[in-house]
Amino acid sequence: MVHYHRYHQPRKASDPIITKDEESQQNLVMDCSTSSYYKRTRPKLLSFLFLITFLSCCYVLAPLFLPPSFTFSLLYSPATENDALVVNDSMCSSVSSGTICCDRTGYRSDICLMKGDIRTHSPSSSIFLYNSGIINNVSRNVGAEKGKGDQILQHERIRPYTRKWEKSVMETIDELNLISKRVNFGNSGHGCDVKHDVPAVFFSNGGYTGNVYHEFNDGIIPLYITSQHFNKKVVFVILEYHNWWITKYGDILSHLSDYPAIDFRGDNRTHCFPEAIVGLRIHDELTVDLALMQRNKSIVDFRNLLDKAYWPRIHGLIQDEEREAQEKLRKQLSSSPSSESEPESESPQKQEYIIKQKVQENPLKKPKLVILSRDKSRAITNENSMVKMAEEIDFEVEVLKPDRTTELAKIYRSLNASDVMIGVHGAAMTHFLFLRPGSVFIQVVPLGTTWAAETYYGEPARKLGLKYIGYEIQIRESSLYEKYDKNDPVLRDPESITKKGWEFTKKIYLDSQNVVLDLRRFRKRLQHAYEYIVSKSNHSTE
């Protein structure tokens, strides 16, 4: 299930609160601005010398007041609703060799970039960046490692997971130490066991991994956002590595990276990289914001990647089914009495051709409707009646019951070939990503889930180019109608209940509610979807 959180939006630029870093920066700007006054009242040469002296002092003394990860090329920009703002790209896009740049302005995730001699050390949960040259004043010496003489120039900590605002889950995510060191010449204690000539992306598969919504929203889509510009020349290093996750998403991973993923905890070898991104960028719920992407990639491009990822497997499934159908038809023809009286003039090649043609016949199909069915909570208890009604409207109906063990390629195949998808609000609605743009997505919205249904699935579906229809059930269509008094806030004012917290939403509206559709009312939505698909199909053939 989706974990609902009406989080507070980040501050806008107009907010009056000023951080310490902002204050120090504003003071610098104000002081520098006063130099123009001296220019007008003192000789030009003296004014010029004063300005040079002042700027030099600013450059030398600033590291004493600003954090080590701050760079002078940046001005503070407050975060907005999207995590990967253009400022995020500019903040660390010009990282020089031997430095660490961390962008912590995002509300949803932190991102750190490293460049140079990068080496992993999983026993200490560390990624080291070794420097053997002279370090400038911006990278301060903040300590030294005893016994080795290596000077620690910078030490950052990061939990590479995309739910930064949710403290409870972030506390379960392993923390990484990013340490920049100046090493002595001749120190031989930093060898590479595996040397990579491509960058690395470090991220965690902890948190809510195991739930399909979170797997796509918090993991797969952010991984696409963060890594697609590498054109598969990148290595994924995973904290909380799960073999089942690699198997489940292997088709997608193979289209994002040419290299096998590394288990950070399970592989104690020292892996060396020339560059690294630690953490994943995330834009919004189940989407890709093209304005924030290199090459203007969008959620449609991500969906196209899914198409490429799953097609080989789907093609194999189709071939297997065709072979089975052909074999079945051969047996039927050979066992039928009429086959004995047929003239022997037809060659085996001709017979084989006829069999293939019959198997591959593709008559004009009805619009296809796929129902994502639920067995437990939020099930449609009169689903069979809904199926009959859809068939009466002239839909070809498939009832799909995916679970954690269902192969994603098979789900993708069904939905990619469908025109309409129906389902009750829940994590399985994430599969709307498998629909072709222009298809119809009907989400049945139980009591107490209106905000979440729109935020997590309705709005993202529109961004993908789907025709989205939200069907908010009435009180009598909820099984809660039989459990509570008709004037109870649970029925009359669900928002007042959900405001009490996640545990109330989960217990009452997610775990204890089923749906009895008003078929007369729901038929209007189905009829509208049918007419939309038929009209769209007729228009495309004109």
Protein backbone atom coordinates (compact mmCIF):
# COMPACT_ATOMS: atom_id res chain seq x y z
CA MET A 1 0.00 0.00 0.00
CA VAL A 2 0.97 3.61 -0.40
CA HIS A 3 2.16 5.29 2.78
CA TYR A 4 0.21 8.54 2.84
CA HIS A 5 2.00 11.65 3.99
CA ARG A 6 0.68 15.17 3.56
CA TYR A 7 4.12 16.59 4.01
CA HIS A 8 4.78 20.30 4.46
CA GLN A 9 5.95 21.90 1.28
CA PRO A 10 9.43 23.47 1.29
CA ARG A 11 9.69 27.18 1.87
CA LYS A 12 9.21 29.55 -1.02
CA ALA A 13 11.61 32.34 -1.87
CA SER A 14 9.23 34.81 -0.25
CA ASP A 15 9.45 33.18 3.19
CA PRO A 16 10.91 35.62 5.72
CA ILE A 17 12.98 33.06 7.62
CA ILE A 18 16.72 33.37 6.97
CA THR A 19 19.21 30.66 7.82
CA LYS A 20 22.65 31.29 9.29
CA ASP A 21 24.27 30.55 5.97
CA GLU A 22 21.97 33.07 4.31
CA GLU A 23 22.78 35.68 6.92
CA SER A 24 26.51 35.28 6.46
CA GLN A 25 26.12 35.46 2.72
CA GLN A 26 23.91 38.52 2.92
CA ASN A 27 26.48 40.21 5.15
CA LEU A 28 29.12 39.54 2.52
CA VAL A 29 26.95 41.05 -0.17
CA MET A 30 26.17 44.09 1.96
CA ASP A 31 29.81 44.66 2.85
CA CYS A 32 30.90 44.34 -0.74
CA SER A 33 28.21 46.76 -1.82
CA THR A 34 29.64 49.44 0.46
CA SER A 35 32.84 49.42 -1.57
CA SER A 36 31.00 51.35 -4.29
CA TYR A 37 30.56 54.19 -1.80
CA TYR A 38 34.32 54.33 -1.16
CA LYS A 39 34.91 54.37 -4.86
CA ARG A 40 33.07 57.64 -5.13
CA THR A 41 34.83 59.35 -2.21
CA ARG A 42 38.44 58.16 -2.45
CA PRO A 43 41.04 58.15 -5.18
CA LYS A 44 40.52 55.43 -7.75
CA LEU A 45 43.79 53.63 -7.08
CA LEU A 46 43.23 53.48 -3.32
CA SER A 47 39.66 52.32 -3.86
CA PHE A 48 40.80 49.61 -6.26
CA LEU A 49 43.46 48.35 -3.81
CA PHE A 50 40.93 48.30 -1.00
CA LEU A 51 38.48 46.29 -3.10
CA ILE A 52 41.13 43.72 -4.03
CA THR A 53 42.20 43.42 -0.40
CA PHE A 54 38.65 42.99 0.79
CA LEU A 55 37.77 40.32 -1.78
CA SER A 56 40.92 38.43 -0.92
CA CYS A 57 39.95 38.46 2.74
CA CYS A 58 36.50 37.18 1.85
CA TYR A 59 38.02 34.30 -0.09
CA VAL A 60 40.46 33.34 2.68
CA LEU A 61 38.14 33.74 5.67
CA ALA A 62 34.91 32.35 4.20
CA PRO A 63 35.87 28.69 4.83
CA LEU A 64 35.92 29.49 8.54
CA PHE A 65 32.25 30.47 8.48
CA LEU A 66 30.76 28.37 5.67
CA PRO A 67 30.37 24.57 5.59
CA PRO A 68 33.08 22.59 3.78
CA SER A 69 30.72 21.59 0.97
CA PHE A 70 29.95 25.23 0.09
CA THR A 71 31.43 26.61 -3.12
CA PHE A 72 31.74 30.26 -4.10
CA SER A 73 30.15 29.75 -7.48
CA LEU A 74 26.79 29.27 -5.76
CA LEU A 75 24.17 31.55 -4.36
CA TYR A 76 21.61 30.14 -1.97
CA SER A 77 18.35 29.14 -3.64
CA PRO A 78 15.52 27.80 -1.50
CA ALA A 79 13.96 24.50 -2.51
CA THR A 80 10.53 24.41 -4.06
CA GLU A 81 8.01 21.62 -4.52
CA ASN A 82 10.20 19.65 -6.93
CA ASP A 83 13.28 18.02 -5.53
CA ALA A 84 15.58 18.10 -8.56
CA LEU A 85 15.40 21.78 -9.37
CA VAL A 86 17.58 23.30 -12.02
CA VAL A 87 19.61 24.70 -9.14
CA ASN A 88 20.36 21.13 -8.07
CA ASP A 89 22.01 20.46 -11.39
CA SER A 90 23.96 23.72 -11.33
CA MET A 91 25.08 23.30 -7.73
CA CYS A 92 27.18 20.24 -8.39
CA SER A 93 27.39 19.98 -12.17
CA SER A 94 30.89 21.48 -12.25
CA VAL A 95 32.48 19.38 -9.51
CA SER A 96 36.24 19.49 -9.91
CA SER A 97 38.46 16.48 -9.45
CA GLY A 98 39.24 15.64 -5.84
CA THR A 99 36.11 17.26 -4.38
CA ILE A 100 32.76 16.27 -2.87
CA CYS A 101 29.69 18.39 -3.52
CA CYS A 102 26.48 17.68 -1.61
CA ASP A 103 23.14 19.18 -2.52
CA ARG A 104 20.86 19.08 0.51
CA THR A 105 18.28 21.61 -0.71
CA GLY A 106 15.86 18.94 -1.90
CA TYR A 107 12.89 18.10 0.28
CA ARG A 108 12.71 14.47 -0.85
CA SER A 109 16.36 13.45 -1.09
CA ASP A 110 19.98 14.49 -0.66
CA ILE A 111 22.46 14.07 -3.52
CA CYS A 112 26.26 14.02 -3.26
CA LEU A 113 28.68 14.03 -6.19
CA MET A 114 32.29 12.89 -6.01
CA LYS A 115 35.03 13.04 -8.61
CA GLY A 116 38.57 11.71 -8.61
CA ASP A 117 40.17 8.68 -6.96
CA ILE A 118 37.05 7.12 -5.39
CA ARG A 119 37.27 3.87 -3.42
CA THR A 120 34.68 1.90 -1.48
CA HIS A 121 35.19 0.51 2.01
CA SER A 122 32.04 -1.36 2.98
CA PRO A 123 33.16 -2.51 6.48
CA SER A 124 33.18 1.12 7.64
CA SER A 125 30.21 2.17 5.46
CA SER A 126 32.55 4.59 3.72
CA ILE A 127 33.38 5.90 0.29
CA PHE A 128 36.82 7.53 0.21
CA LEU A 129 38.07 10.18 -2.16
CA TYR A 130 41.86 10.28 -2.14
CA ASN A 131 43.90 13.37 -2.95
CA SER A 132 47.68 13.38 -3.24
CA GLY A 133 48.15 16.95 -4.43
CA ILE A 134 48.00 20.35 -2.72
CA ILE A 135 44.53 21.22 -1.51
CA ASN A 136 43.26 24.79 -1.60
CA ASN A 137 41.74 26.63 1.36
CA VAL A 138 38.15 25.85 0.44
CA SER A 139 38.65 22.18 1.44
CA ARG A 140 39.60 22.56 5.07
CA ASN A 141 41.65 20.12 7.07
CA VAL A 142 39.12 18.88 9.63
CA GLY A 143 41.14 16.03 11.10
CA ALA A 144 43.71 13.35 10.53
CA GLU A 145 43.61 9.58 10.69
CA LYS A 146 45.87 8.29 13.39
CA GLY A 147 48.78 6.12 12.36
CA LYS A 148 48.59 6.86 8.66
CA GLY A 149 49.03 10.57 8.44
CA ASP A 150 46.10 10.89 6.02
CA GLN A 151 44.42 14.27 6.45
CA ILE A 152 40.63 14.29 6.33
CA LEU A 153 39.67 17.23 4.15
CA GLN A 154 35.92 16.75 4.12
CA HIS A 155 33.43 14.37 5.75
CA GLU A 156 29.82 14.15 4.58
CA ARG A 157 27.11 11.76 5.76
CA ILE A 158 24.17 10.69 3.64
CA ARG A 159 21.33 8.17 3.69
CA PRO A 160 20.75 7.51 -0.03
CA TYR A 161 16.97 7.06 -0.05
CA THR A 162 14.24 9.25 -1.53
CA ARG A 163 11.97 9.80 1.49
CA LYS A 164 14.14 12.33 3.29
CA TRP A 165 11.21 14.07 4.98
CA GLU A 166 9.97 10.84 6.59
CA LYS A 167 12.23 10.50 9.62
CA SER A 168 10.91 7.16 10.84
CA VAL A 169 11.82 5.30 7.66
CA MET A 170 15.04 7.25 7.10
CA GLU A 171 16.32 6.01 10.46
CA THR A 172 16.20 2.48 9.03
CA ILE A 173 18.35 3.40 6.02
CA ASP A 174 22.08 2.69 6.26
CA GLU A 175 24.18 5.84 6.43
CA LEU A 176 27.23 6.29 4.22
CA ASN A 177 30.36 8.26 5.12
CA LEU A 178 31.82 10.23 2.24
CA ILE A 179 35.37 11.15 3.18
CA SER A 180 37.86 13.19 1.22
CA LYS A 181 41.49 12.60 2.28
CA ARG A 182 44.90 13.92 1.44
CA VAL A 183 47.20 10.91 1.40
CA ASN A 184 50.97 10.80 1.80
CA PHE A 185 53.01 9.84 -1.21
CA GLY A 186 54.14 6.25 -0.93
CA ASN A 187 51.20 5.21 1.24
CA SER A 188 50.29 1.82 -0.25
CA GLY A 189 47.25 1.06 1.88
CA HIS A 190 44.66 2.18 -0.66
CA GLY A 191 44.76 -0.40 -3.45
CA CYS A 192 41.91 -1.27 -5.81
CA ASP A 193 40.53 -4.80 -5.98
CA VAL A 194 38.20 -3.90 -8.85
CA LYS A 195 38.83 -0.85 -11.01
CA HIS A 196 35.93 0.59 -12.98
CA ASP A 197 36.34 3.13 -15.77
CA VAL A 198 32.73 4.34 -15.58
CA PRO A 199 30.85 6.29 -12.86
CA ALA A 200 28.88 4.72 -10.02
CA VAL A 201 25.45 5.48 -8.60
CA PHE A 202 24.95 4.52 -4.95
CA PHE A 203 21.43 4.05 -3.57
CA SER A 204 19.50 2.07 -0.96
CA ASN A 205 16.88 -0.60 -1.51
CA GLY A 206 15.69 -0.41 2.08
CA GLY A 207 12.70 1.49 3.41
CA TYR A 208 9.43 0.49 1.77
CA THR A 209 11.00 -1.72 -0.89
CA GLY A 210 8.67 -4.70 -1.28
CA ASN A 211 5.69 -2.53 -2.19
CA VAL A 212 5.30 -2.01 -5.94
CA TYR A 213 4.35 1.67 -5.59
CA HIS A 214 7.45 2.45 -3.55
CA GLU A 215 9.65 0.27 -5.75
CA PHE A 216 8.76 2.43 -8.75
CA ASN A 217 8.25 5.79 -7.06
CA ASP A 218 11.16 5.72 -4.61
CA GLY A 219 13.53 3.53 -6.62
CA ILE A 220 13.14 2.69 -10.30
CA ILE A 221 11.94 6.06 -11.61
CA PRO A 222 14.50 8.06 -9.54
CA LEU A 223 17.17 5.64 -10.78
CA TYR A 224 16.12 6.44 -14.35
CA ILE A 225 16.15 10.18 -13.61
CA THR A 226 19.62 9.99 -12.05
CA SER A 227 21.36 7.64 -14.47
CA GLN A 228 19.78 7.75 -17.94
CA HIS A 229 22.21 10.42 -19.21
CA PHE A 230 25.11 7.98 -18.75
CA ASN A 231 23.78 5.90 -21.67
CA LYS A 232 24.21 2.66 -19.69
CA LYS A 233 27.89 3.38 -18.95
CA VAL A 234 27.35 3.35 -15.20
CA VAL A 235 27.57 0.89 -12.31
CA PHE A 236 24.84 0.63 -9.67
CA VAL A 237 26.05 0.06 -6.10
CA ILE A 238 23.17 -0.99 -3.86
CA LEU A 239 22.81 -0.77 -0.11
CA GLU A 240 20.39 -3.39 1.25
CA TYR A 241 20.77 -5.49 -1.86
CA HIS A 242 17.96 -8.02 -2.51
CA ASN A 243 18.34 -10.84 -5.04
CA TRP A 244 14.59 -10.92 -5.64
CA TRP A 245 14.64 -7.21 -6.54
CA ILE A 246 17.43 -7.79 -9.07
CA THR A 247 15.40 -10.62 -10.60
CA LYS A 248 12.16 -8.63 -10.63
CA TYR A 249 13.65 -5.50 -12.19
CA GLY A 250 16.52 -7.05 -14.14
CA ASP A 251 14.88 -6.25 -17.50
CA ILE A 252 14.76 -2.55 -16.61
CA LEU A 253 18.22 -2.46 -15.05
CA SER A 254 19.74 -3.94 -18.21
CA HIS A 255 18.45 -0.91 -20.12
CA LEU A 256 19.97 1.51 -17.63
CA SER A 257 23.36 -0.14 -17.12
CA ASP A 258 25.65 -2.46 -19.07
CA TYR A 259 27.22 -3.70 -15.83
CA PRO A 260 26.08 -6.02 -13.03
CA ALA A 261 24.92 -4.28 -9.86
CA ILE A 262 27.20 -4.41 -6.80
CA ASP A 263 26.05 -5.47 -3.35
CA PHE A 264 27.75 -2.85 -1.17
CA ARG A 265 27.43 -4.84 2.07
CA GLY A 266 28.01 -8.26 0.58
CA ASP A 267 31.06 -7.35 -1.50
CA ASN A 268 33.97 -6.29 0.73
CA ARG A 269 36.34 -5.73 -2.15
CA THR A 270 37.60 -2.22 -2.79
CA HIS A 271 35.85 -0.91 -5.89
CA CYS A 272 37.41 2.15 -7.52
CA PHE A 273 35.52 4.67 -9.65
CA PRO A 274 36.40 7.95 -11.40
CA GLU A 275 33.07 9.54 -10.43
CA ALA A 276 30.12 8.77 -8.17
CA ILE A 277 26.61 9.98 -7.47
CA VAL A 278 25.39 9.06 -4.00
CA GLY A 279 21.61 9.22 -3.68
CA LEU A 280 18.85 9.47 -6.28
CA ARG A 281 17.03 12.46 -7.71
CA ILE A 282 13.24 12.40 -7.54
CA HIS A 283 10.81 14.85 -9.11
CA ASP A 284 7.28 14.03 -7.95
CA GLU A 285 4.91 11.09 -7.55
CA LEU A 286 5.47 8.48 -10.29
CA THR A 287 6.65 10.99 -12.86
CA VAL A 288 9.60 12.53 -14.68
CA ASP A 289 9.66 16.30 -15.11
CA LEU A 290 11.15 17.01 -18.54
CA ALA A 291 12.02 20.58 -17.48
CA LEU A 292 14.46 19.13 -14.94
CA MET A 293 15.97 16.48 -17.20
CA GLN A 294 18.92 16.48 -19.52
CA ARG A 295 17.71 16.05 -23.13
CA ASN A 296 14.17 16.90 -21.96
CA LYS A 297 13.27 13.31 -21.10
CA SER A 298 9.74 12.78 -19.74
CA ILE A 299 7.64 10.07 -18.12
CA VAL A 300 6.68 8.97 -21.64
CA ASP A 301 10.37 8.30 -22.35
CA PHE A 302 10.53 6.22 -19.18
CA ARG A 303 7.50 4.26 -20.36
CA ASN A 304 9.19 3.74 -23.74
CA LEU A 305 12.15 2.28 -21.86
CA LEU A 306 9.75 -0.17 -20.18
CA ASP A 307 8.53 -1.12 -23.65
CA LYS A 308 12.07 -1.94 -24.76
CA ALA A 309 12.85 -3.72 -21.50
CA TYR A 310 9.87 -6.07 -21.56
CA TRP A 311 9.45 -6.68 -25.29
CA PRO A 312 12.05 -9.52 -25.61
CA ARG A 313 10.33 -11.48 -22.84
CA ILE A 314 6.85 -10.72 -24.23
CA HIS A 315 8.00 -11.77 -27.71
CA GLY A 316 9.19 -15.06 -26.22
CA LEU A 317 5.84 -15.60 -24.49
CA ILE A 318 3.98 -14.97 -27.76
CA GLN A 319 6.18 -17.44 -29.63
CA ASP A 320 5.66 -20.10 -26.96
CA GLU A 321 1.89 -19.61 -27.11
CA GLU A 322 1.86 -19.79 -30.89
CA ARG A 323 3.87 -23.01 -30.84
CA GLU A 324 1.47 -24.52 -28.32
CA ALA A 325 -1.53 -23.43 -30.39
CA GLN A 326 -0.02 -24.83 -33.58
CA GLU A 327 0.73 -28.14 -31.93
CA LYS A 328 -2.79 -28.31 -30.56
CA LEU A 329 -4.24 -27.60 -34.01
CA ARG A 330 -2.05 -30.27 -35.64
CA LYS A 331 -3.34 -32.85 -33.19
CA GLN A 332 -6.92 -31.80 -33.84
CA LEU A 333 -6.46 -32.06 -37.63
CA SER A 334 -4.67 -35.39 -37.48
CA SER A 335 -7.32 -36.92 -35.20
CA SER A 336 -10.37 -35.59 -37.06
CA PRO A 337 -12.21 -38.10 -39.34
CA SER A 338 -12.32 -35.66 -42.24
CA SER A 339 -8.54 -35.52 -42.42
CA GLU A 340 -8.42 -39.10 -43.76
CA SER A 341 -10.54 -38.23 -46.80
CA GLU A 342 -8.60 -35.09 -47.71
CA PRO A 343 -6.59 -35.32 -50.95
CA GLU A 344 -2.95 -36.07 -50.51
CA SER A 345 -2.10 -33.39 -53.05
CA GLU A 346 -1.64 -30.81 -50.29
CA SER A 347 2.03 -30.78 -49.34
CA PRO A 348 3.20 -30.75 -45.69
CA GLN A 349 4.51 -27.23 -46.32
CA LYS A 350 1.03 -26.12 -47.43
CA GLN A 351 -0.59 -27.70 -44.41
CA GLU A 352 1.95 -26.02 -42.09
CA TYR A 353 1.21 -22.67 -43.72
CA ILE A 354 -2.54 -23.10 -43.16
CA ILE A 355 -1.97 -24.00 -39.50
CA LYS A 356 0.16 -20.90 -38.92
CA GLN A 357 -2.39 -18.67 -40.62
CA LYS A 358 -5.19 -19.98 -38.42
CA VAL A 359 -3.15 -19.49 -35.26
CA GLN A 360 -2.07 -15.97 -36.20
CA GLU A 361 -5.49 -14.80 -37.40
CA ASN A 362 -6.21 -11.43 -35.84
CA PRO A 363 -9.86 -10.49 -36.36
CA LEU A 364 -11.06 -7.00 -35.55
CA LYS A 365 -11.01 -6.94 -31.75
CA LYS A 366 -13.32 -5.28 -29.31
CA PRO A 367 -11.88 -2.64 -26.99
CA LYS A 368 -10.02 -4.48 -24.24
CA LEU A 369 -10.75 -3.81 -20.58
CA VAL A 370 -8.43 -5.10 -17.83
CA ILE A 371 -9.68 -5.23 -14.24
CA LEU A 372 -6.98 -5.31 -11.56
CA SER A 373 -8.80 -7.44 -9.01
CA ARG A 374 -8.31 -7.50 -5.23
CA ASP A 375 -9.06 -10.44 -2.93
CA LYS A 376 -8.69 -8.85 0.50
CA SER A 377 -9.45 -5.28 1.57
CA ARG A 378 -10.86 -2.81 -0.95
CA ALA A 379 -12.21 -5.63 -3.08
CA ILE A 380 -15.15 -5.05 -5.41
CA THR A 381 -17.64 -7.53 -3.99
CA ASN A 382 -19.91 -7.46 -7.06
CA GLU A 383 -17.02 -7.74 -9.53
CA ASN A 384 -18.66 -10.55 -11.52
CA SER A 385 -21.69 -8.35 -12.19
CA MET A 386 -19.38 -5.55 -13.31
CA VAL A 387 -17.65 -7.93 -15.73
CA LYS A 388 -21.00 -8.94 -17.28
CA MET A 389 -22.00 -5.30 -17.59
CA ALA A 390 -18.71 -4.45 -19.34
CA GLU A 391 -19.22 -7.34 -21.77
CA GLU A 392 -22.72 -6.09 -22.50
CA ILE A 393 -21.26 -2.70 -23.40
CA ASP A 394 -19.03 -4.66 -25.84
CA PHE A 395 -15.70 -4.79 -24.04
CA GLU A 396 -13.37 -7.75 -24.17
CA VAL A 397 -12.70 -8.23 -20.45
CA GLU A 398 -9.68 -9.69 -18.67
CA VAL A 399 -9.55 -9.99 -14.88
CA LEU A 400 -5.98 -9.74 -13.64
CA LYS A 401 -4.93 -10.58 -10.08
CA PRO A 402 -1.25 -9.63 -9.76
CA ASP A 403 0.68 -10.40 -6.60
CA ARG A 404 4.30 -10.09 -5.53
CA THR A 405 5.27 -13.22 -7.45
CA THR A 406 3.61 -12.24 -10.74
CA GLU A 407 6.17 -11.59 -13.47
CA LEU A 408 6.09 -7.92 -14.42
CA ALA A 409 6.50 -8.70 -18.12
CA LYS A 410 3.20 -10.62 -18.06
CA ILE A 411 1.40 -7.74 -16.34
CA TYR A 412 2.97 -5.33 -18.81
CA ARG A 413 1.83 -7.46 -21.75
CA SER A 414 -1.81 -7.44 -20.60
CA LEU A 415 -1.98 -3.73 -19.83
CA ASN A 416 0.05 -2.65 -22.86
CA ALA A 417 -2.51 -4.43 -25.05
CA SER A 418 -5.51 -2.97 -23.23
CA ASP A 419 -7.57 0.12 -23.85
CA VAL A 420 -9.03 0.57 -20.37
CA MET A 421 -7.79 -0.36 -16.89
CA ILE A 422 -10.01 -0.44 -13.80
CA GLY A 423 -8.88 -0.89 -10.23
CA VAL A 424 -9.59 0.15 -6.67
CA HIS A 425 -7.12 2.60 -5.11
CA GLY A 426 -4.01 0.83 -3.81
CA ALA A 427 -0.41 0.06 -4.69
CA ALA A 428 -1.43 -2.03 -7.72
CA MET A 429 -2.60 1.18 -9.41
CA THR A 430 1.10 1.83 -10.01
CA HIS A 431 0.67 -0.43 -13.03
CA PHE A 432 -1.02 2.43 -14.89
CA LEU A 433 2.57 3.05 -16.02
CA PHE A 434 2.15 0.00 -18.26
CA LEU A 435 -0.77 1.52 -20.19
CA ARG A 436 -0.17 3.11 -23.56
CA PRO A 437 -0.61 6.91 -23.58
CA GLY A 438 -4.14 7.62 -24.76
CA SER A 439 -5.62 4.68 -22.84
CA VAL A 440 -8.26 5.08 -20.13
CA PHE A 441 -7.53 4.59 -16.44
CA ILE A 442 -10.57 4.32 -14.13
CA GLN A 443 -9.66 4.41 -10.44
CA VAL A 444 -12.34 3.44 -7.96
CA VAL A 445 -11.83 5.73 -4.96
CA PRO A 446 -13.07 4.34 -1.60
CA LEU A 447 -14.03 6.56 1.32
CA GLY A 448 -11.10 8.28 3.00
CA THR A 449 -8.73 7.96 0.03
CA THR A 450 -9.72 10.89 -2.19
CA TRP A 451 -6.61 12.99 -1.65
CA ALA A 452 -4.24 10.05 -1.96
CA ALA A 453 -5.94 8.64 -5.05
CA GLU A 454 -5.58 11.94 -6.88
CA THR A 455 -2.07 12.73 -5.65
CA TYR A 456 -0.42 9.35 -6.12
CA TYR A 457 -2.21 8.08 -9.24
CA GLY A 458 -4.67 10.53 -10.79
CA GLU A 459 -2.32 13.42 -11.46
CA PRO A 460 0.63 11.18 -12.52
CA ALA A 461 -1.67 9.30 -14.92
CA ARG A 462 -2.59 12.54 -16.69
CA LYS A 463 1.10 13.41 -17.00
CA LEU A 464 1.61 10.10 -18.80
CA GLY A 465 -1.08 11.09 -21.28
CA LEU A 466 -3.85 8.81 -20.02
CA LYS A 467 -7.55 9.60 -19.95
CA TYR A 468 -8.08 9.49 -16.19
CA ILE A 469 -11.51 8.92 -14.62
CA GLY A 470 -11.76 8.97 -10.84
CA TYR A 471 -14.86 7.20 -9.53
CA GLU A 472 -15.44 8.35 -5.94
CA ILE A 473 -17.82 5.92 -4.29
CA GLN A 474 -20.84 7.09 -2.36
CA ILE A 475 -21.42 6.16 1.27
CA ARG A 476 -23.80 3.31 0.38
CA GLU A 477 -21.17 1.78 -1.91
CA SER A 478 -18.79 1.26 1.01
CA SER A 479 -18.92 -1.78 3.29
CA LEU A 480 -18.35 0.70 6.14
CA TYR A 481 -21.97 1.76 5.67
CA GLU A 482 -23.02 -1.45 7.41
CA LYS A 483 -20.55 -1.01 10.30
CA TYR A 484 -21.04 2.59 11.39
CA ASP A 485 -23.93 4.84 12.28
CA LYS A 486 -25.07 6.87 9.29
CA ASN A 487 -24.00 10.12 10.97
CA ASP A 488 -20.60 8.84 12.10
CA PRO A 489 -17.65 11.00 10.91
CA VAL A 490 -16.12 7.85 9.43
CA LEU A 491 -18.85 8.05 6.78
CA ARG A 492 -19.78 11.72 6.73
CA ASP A 493 -16.39 13.38 7.25
CA PRO A 494 -13.55 10.99 6.29
CA GLU A 495 -11.06 13.85 6.12
CA SER A 496 -11.46 14.49 9.85
CA ILE A 497 -10.46 10.87 10.46
CA THR A 498 -7.50 10.79 8.07
CA LYS A 499 -6.14 13.96 9.70
CA LYS A 500 -5.68 11.97 12.90
CA GLY A 501 -2.83 10.06 11.31
CA TRP A 502 -1.74 7.23 9.07
CA GLU A 503 -2.75 4.51 11.54
CA PHE A 504 -6.40 5.63 11.40
CA THR A 505 -6.41 5.78 7.61
CA LYS A 506 -4.87 2.33 7.36
CA LYS A 507 -7.03 0.63 9.97
CA ILE A 508 -10.39 2.06 8.86
CA TYR A 509 -10.25 2.94 5.18
CA LEU A 510 -7.53 0.71 3.77
CA ASP A 511 -7.72 -2.52 5.77
CA SER A 512 -11.41 -2.65 6.67
CA GLN A 513 -13.27 -1.40 3.61
CA ASN A 514 -14.68 -3.15 0.55
CA VAL A 515 -16.67 -1.71 -2.33
CA VAL A 516 -20.16 -2.61 -3.61
CA LEU A 517 -20.43 -0.72 -6.88
CA ASP A 518 -23.67 1.01 -7.82
CA LEU A 519 -23.66 -0.59 -11.27
CA ARG A 520 -26.19 1.85 -12.71
CA ARG A 521 -23.97 4.75 -11.66
CA PHE A 522 -20.71 3.06 -12.62
CA ARG A 523 -22.06 2.07 -16.04
CA LYS A 524 -21.95 5.72 -17.08
CA ARG A 525 -18.16 5.74 -16.54
CA LEU A 526 -17.72 2.53 -18.51
CA GLN A 527 -19.92 3.76 -21.34
CA HIS A 528 -17.95 7.01 -21.47
CA ALA A 529 -14.68 5.07 -21.62
CA TYR A 530 -16.00 2.82 -24.40
CA GLU A 531 -17.18 5.75 -26.52
CA TYR A 532 -13.86 7.52 -25.98
CA ILE A 533 -11.83 4.50 -27.16
CA VAL A 534 -14.08 3.81 -30.17
CA SER A 535 -14.05 7.47 -31.21
CA LYS A 536 -10.27 7.58 -30.82
CA SER A 537 -9.88 4.39 -32.87
CA ASN A 538 -12.16 5.66 -35.65
CA HIS A 539 -10.31 8.95 -35.76
CA SER A 540 -6.93 7.20 -36.10
CA THR A 541 -8.14 5.11 -39.08
CA GLU A 542 -9.52 8.07 -41.02
